[in-house]
Amino acid sequence: MADGSLELQGAVVARLKAYPAVAALVGLRVYDHIPDNPAFPYISIGPVTEVDDSADCIIGSEVTFQIDAWSREPGFVQARRIANAVRAALHGQEFNLPTNALASFEFTYRRDFRDPDGLTSHSVIVFTASIEASLST
């Protein structure tokens, strides 16, 4: 059985890199693994939580998917602009996954805060997805 959350992550990263409003703010700096000394601003894939959401004859998962926006611009303006672009790019998106089926992908919440270094603005954007597993692989 193919990992639905991994398939979803690939689709999300591709969508973010291709979405004009996101690309205008961060270019192609959308990372699963943040490089040493990254150029700001950028987006990273945060924690993913998957819980069973199976029903009769369907193996399913509810996936909580976190995306992080990082900025060194003073204040929260740039980080919030990135967060809003991420939301616009992804909320309600109907991703075609290679093996599994995505039933929904919805914005859940956003949290903005300053990192402990005192320089970095950080927006956490959380989405909830419902994935139905394909048993063929």
C-alpha atoms as a PDB file:
ATOM      1  CA  MET A   1       0.000   0.000   0.000  1.00  0.00           C
ATOM      2  CA  ALA A   2       1.488   3.364  -1.070  1.00  0.00           C
ATOM      3  CA  ASP A   3       1.924   6.093   1.562  1.00  0.00           C
ATOM      4  CA  GLY A   4      -0.846   8.609   0.893  1.00  0.00           C
ATOM      5  CA  SER A   5       0.673  11.357   3.017  1.00  0.00           C
ATOM      6  CA  LEU A   6       3.961  11.071   1.099  1.00  0.00           C
ATOM      7  CA  GLU A   7       2.120  11.257  -2.212  1.00  0.00           C
ATOM      8  CA  LEU A   8       0.260  14.309  -0.922  1.00  0.00           C
ATOM      9  CA  GLN A   9       3.498  15.994   0.148  1.00  0.00           C
ATOM     10  CA  GLY A  10       4.894  15.657  -3.371  1.00  0.00           C
ATOM     11  CA  ALA A  11       1.743  17.182  -4.849  1.00  0.00           C
ATOM     12  CA  VAL A  12       1.758  20.039  -2.322  1.00  0.00           C
ATOM     13  CA  VAL A  13       5.410  20.929  -2.981  1.00  0.00           C
ATOM     14  CA  ALA A  14       4.856  20.877  -6.749  1.00  0.00           C
ATOM     15  CA  ARG A  15       1.763  23.099  -6.422  1.00  0.00           C
ATOM     16  CA  LEU A  16       3.549  25.616  -4.187  1.00  0.00           C
ATOM     17  CA  LYS A  17       6.524  25.892  -6.562  1.00  0.00           C
ATOM     18  CA  ALA A  18       4.209  26.390  -9.561  1.00  0.00           C
ATOM     19  CA  TYR A  19       1.712  28.802  -7.972  1.00  0.00           C
ATOM     20  CA  PRO A  20       2.522  32.348  -9.199  1.00  0.00           C
ATOM     21  CA  ALA A  21       1.721  34.209  -5.941  1.00  0.00           C
ATOM     22  CA  VAL A  22       3.922  31.832  -3.918  1.00  0.00           C
ATOM     23  CA  ALA A  23       6.744  31.879  -6.483  1.00  0.00           C
ATOM     24  CA  ALA A  24       6.679  35.696  -6.492  1.00  0.00           C
ATOM     25  CA  LEU A  25       7.417  35.674  -2.748  1.00  0.00           C
ATOM     26  CA  VAL A  26       9.813  32.737  -2.274  1.00  0.00           C
ATOM     27  CA  GLY A  27      10.868  31.635  -5.752  1.00  0.00           C
ATOM     28  CA  LEU A  28      11.514  27.886  -5.696  1.00  0.00           C
ATOM     29  CA  ARG A  29      12.595  27.902  -2.024  1.00  0.00           C
ATOM     30  CA  VAL A  30      10.105  25.261  -0.845  1.00  0.00           C
ATOM     31  CA  TYR A  31      11.955  22.687   1.239  1.00  0.00           C
ATOM     32  CA  ASP A  32      11.377  19.314   2.850  1.00  0.00           C
ATOM     33  CA  HIS A  33      14.914  19.540   4.254  1.00  0.00           C
ATOM     34  CA  ILE A  34      16.052  23.097   4.958  1.00  0.00           C
ATOM     35  CA  PRO A  35      19.597  23.658   3.670  1.00  0.00           C
ATOM     36  CA  ASP A  36      22.316  25.163   5.865  1.00  0.00           C
ATOM     37  CA  ASN A  37      22.052  28.973   5.828  1.00  0.00           C
ATOM     38  CA  PRO A  38      18.983  29.195   3.546  1.00  0.00           C
ATOM     39  CA  ALA A  39      18.127  32.408   1.722  1.00  0.00           C
ATOM     40  CA  PHE A  40      15.048  34.110   3.181  1.00  0.00           C
ATOM     41  CA  PRO A  41      12.137  34.071   2.703  1.00  0.00           C
ATOM     42  CA  TYR A  42      11.311  30.410   2.236  1.00  0.00           C
ATOM     43  CA  ILE A  43       8.709  27.722   2.917  1.00  0.00           C
ATOM     44  CA  SER A  44       9.327  24.386   4.604  1.00  0.00           C
ATOM     45  CA  ILE A  45       7.238  21.289   5.080  1.00  0.00           C
ATOM     46  CA  GLY A  46       6.561  20.834   8.770  1.00  0.00           C
ATOM     47  CA  PRO A  47       5.237  17.922  10.778  1.00  0.00           C
ATOM     48  CA  VAL A  48       2.612  15.613   9.311  1.00  0.00           C
ATOM     49  CA  THR A  49       0.232  13.652  11.515  1.00  0.00           C
ATOM     50  CA  GLU A  50      -1.802  10.765  10.150  1.00  0.00           C
ATOM     51  CA  VAL A  51      -4.643   9.046  12.024  1.00  0.00           C
ATOM     52  CA  ASP A  52      -6.913   6.236  10.945  1.00  0.00           C
ATOM     53  CA  ASP A  53     -10.201   7.346   9.414  1.00  0.00           C
ATOM     54  CA  SER A  54     -11.362   4.035   7.980  1.00  0.00           C
ATOM     55  CA  ALA A  55     -14.986   3.119   7.388  1.00  0.00           C
ATOM     56  CA  ASP A  56     -16.777   0.056   6.046  1.00  0.00           C
ATOM     57  CA  CYS A  57     -14.765  -1.286   3.087  1.00  0.00           C
ATOM     58  CA  ILE A  58     -12.568   1.852   2.936  1.00  0.00           C
ATOM     59  CA  ILE A  59      -9.129   2.293   4.443  1.00  0.00           C
ATOM     60  CA  GLY A  60      -8.707   5.972   5.040  1.00  0.00           C
ATOM     61  CA  SER A  61      -6.593   8.489   6.898  1.00  0.00           C
ATOM     62  CA  GLU A  62      -7.039  11.991   8.200  1.00  0.00           C
ATOM     63  CA  VAL A  63      -3.776  13.839   7.674  1.00  0.00           C
ATOM     64  CA  THR A  64      -2.817  17.065   9.408  1.00  0.00           C
ATOM     65  CA  PHE A  65      -0.269  18.787   7.211  1.00  0.00           C
ATOM     66  CA  GLN A  66       1.842  21.720   8.449  1.00  0.00           C
ATOM     67  CA  ILE A  67       3.572  24.211   6.176  1.00  0.00           C
ATOM     68  CA  ASP A  68       5.927  26.849   7.605  1.00  0.00           C
ATOM     69  CA  ALA A  69       6.674  30.284   6.139  1.00  0.00           C
ATOM     70  CA  TRP A  70       9.916  31.969   7.235  1.00  0.00           C
ATOM     71  CA  SER A  71      10.915  35.618   6.842  1.00  0.00           C
ATOM     72  CA  ARG A  72      13.590  37.979   8.107  1.00  0.00           C
ATOM     73  CA  GLU A  73      11.712  41.124   7.057  1.00  0.00           C
ATOM     74  CA  PRO A  74      10.863  43.350  10.055  1.00  0.00           C
ATOM     75  CA  GLY A  75       7.441  42.577  11.505  1.00  0.00           C
ATOM     76  CA  PHE A  76       5.065  39.908  10.254  1.00  0.00           C
ATOM     77  CA  VAL A  77       4.020  41.414   6.923  1.00  0.00           C
ATOM     78  CA  GLN A  78       6.094  39.204   4.620  1.00  0.00           C
ATOM     79  CA  ALA A  79       5.480  35.974   6.564  1.00  0.00           C
ATOM     80  CA  ARG A  80       1.729  36.634   6.552  1.00  0.00           C
ATOM     81  CA  ARG A  81       1.760  37.396   2.820  1.00  0.00           C
ATOM     82  CA  ILE A  82       3.486  34.082   2.204  1.00  0.00           C
ATOM     83  CA  ALA A  83       0.980  32.304   4.479  1.00  0.00           C
ATOM     84  CA  ASN A  84      -1.935  33.857   2.594  1.00  0.00           C
ATOM     85  CA  ALA A  85      -0.424  32.812  -0.747  1.00  0.00           C
ATOM     86  CA  VAL A  86       0.045  29.256   0.573  1.00  0.00           C
ATOM     87  CA  ARG A  87      -3.578  29.169   1.691  1.00  0.00           C
ATOM     88  CA  ALA A  88      -4.783  30.466  -1.685  1.00  0.00           C
ATOM     89  CA  ALA A  89      -2.646  27.880  -3.505  1.00  0.00           C
ATOM     90  CA  LEU A  90      -3.778  24.882  -1.477  1.00  0.00           C
ATOM     91  CA  HIS A  91      -7.187  25.329   0.205  1.00  0.00           C
ATOM     92  CA  GLY A  92      -9.757  23.108  -1.470  1.00  0.00           C
ATOM     93  CA  GLN A  93      -7.236  21.913  -4.049  1.00  0.00           C
ATOM     94  CA  GLU A  94      -8.148  18.617  -5.704  1.00  0.00           C
ATOM     95  CA  PHE A  95      -4.781  16.885  -5.973  1.00  0.00           C
ATOM     96  CA  ASN A  96      -4.488  13.825  -8.184  1.00  0.00           C
ATOM     97  CA  LEU A  97      -2.342  11.406  -6.213  1.00  0.00           C
ATOM     98  CA  PRO A  98      -0.425   8.673  -8.075  1.00  0.00           C
ATOM     99  CA  THR A  99      -1.981   5.747  -6.182  1.00  0.00           C
ATOM    100  CA  ASN A 100      -4.347   6.928  -3.442  1.00  0.00           C
ATOM    101  CA  ALA A 101      -7.419   9.163  -3.593  1.00  0.00           C
ATOM    102  CA  LEU A 102      -7.636  12.554  -1.938  1.00  0.00           C
ATOM    103  CA  ALA A 103     -11.140  13.236  -0.658  1.00  0.00           C
ATOM    104  CA  SER A 104     -10.450  16.749   0.691  1.00  0.00           C
ATOM    105  CA  PHE A 105      -7.682  19.248   1.474  1.00  0.00           C
ATOM    106  CA  GLU A 106      -8.827  22.139   3.640  1.00  0.00           C
ATOM    107  CA  PHE A 107      -7.204  25.027   5.498  1.00  0.00           C
ATOM    108  CA  THR A 108      -7.493  24.539   9.283  1.00  0.00           C
ATOM    109  CA  TYR A 109      -5.614  27.415  10.928  1.00  0.00           C
ATOM    110  CA  ARG A 110      -2.622  29.756  10.860  1.00  0.00           C
ATOM    111  CA  ARG A 111      -0.365  30.845  13.720  1.00  0.00           C
ATOM    112  CA  ASP A 112       2.173  33.692  13.480  1.00  0.00           C
ATOM    113  CA  PHE A 113       5.021  34.184  15.948  1.00  0.00           C
ATOM    114  CA  ARG A 114       8.577  35.421  16.305  1.00  0.00           C
ATOM    115  CA  ASP A 115      11.256  32.763  16.600  1.00  0.00           C
ATOM    116  CA  PRO A 116      13.558  32.807  19.650  1.00  0.00           C
ATOM    117  CA  ASP A 117      16.357  34.450  17.617  1.00  0.00           C
ATOM    118  CA  GLY A 118      14.266  37.650  17.656  1.00  0.00           C
ATOM    119  CA  LEU A 119      14.863  38.134  13.913  1.00  0.00           C
ATOM    120  CA  THR A 120      12.763  35.511  12.199  1.00  0.00           C
ATOM    121  CA  SER A 121       9.025  35.812  11.603  1.00  0.00           C
ATOM    122  CA  HIS A 122       7.358  32.435  11.334  1.00  0.00           C
ATOM    123  CA  SER A 123       3.868  31.563  10.115  1.00  0.00           C
ATOM    124  CA  VAL A 124       2.540  28.051  10.599  1.00  0.00           C
ATOM    125  CA  ILE A 125      -0.202  27.122   8.135  1.00  0.00           C
ATOM    126  CA  VAL A 126      -2.094  23.907   8.884  1.00  0.00           C
ATOM    127  CA  PHE A 127      -4.310  21.922   6.542  1.00  0.00           C
ATOM    128  CA  THR A 128      -6.378  18.788   7.079  1.00  0.00           C
ATOM    129  CA  ALA A 129      -6.661  16.191   4.348  1.00  0.00           C
ATOM    130  CA  SER A 130      -8.750  13.077   3.971  1.00  0.00           C
ATOM    131  CA  ILE A 131      -7.085  10.289   1.975  1.00  0.00           C
ATOM    132  CA  GLU A 132      -8.578   7.002   0.837  1.00  0.00           C
ATOM    133  CA  ALA A 133      -5.954   4.293   0.422  1.00  0.00           C
ATOM    134  CA  SER A 134      -5.582   2.175  -2.673  1.00  0.00           C
ATOM    135  CA  LEU A 135      -4.950  -1.442  -1.787  1.00  0.00           C
ATOM    136  CA  SER A 136      -3.576  -2.351  -5.216  1.00  0.00           C
ATOM    137  CA  THR A 137       0.069  -1.490  -4.395  1.00  0.00           C
END
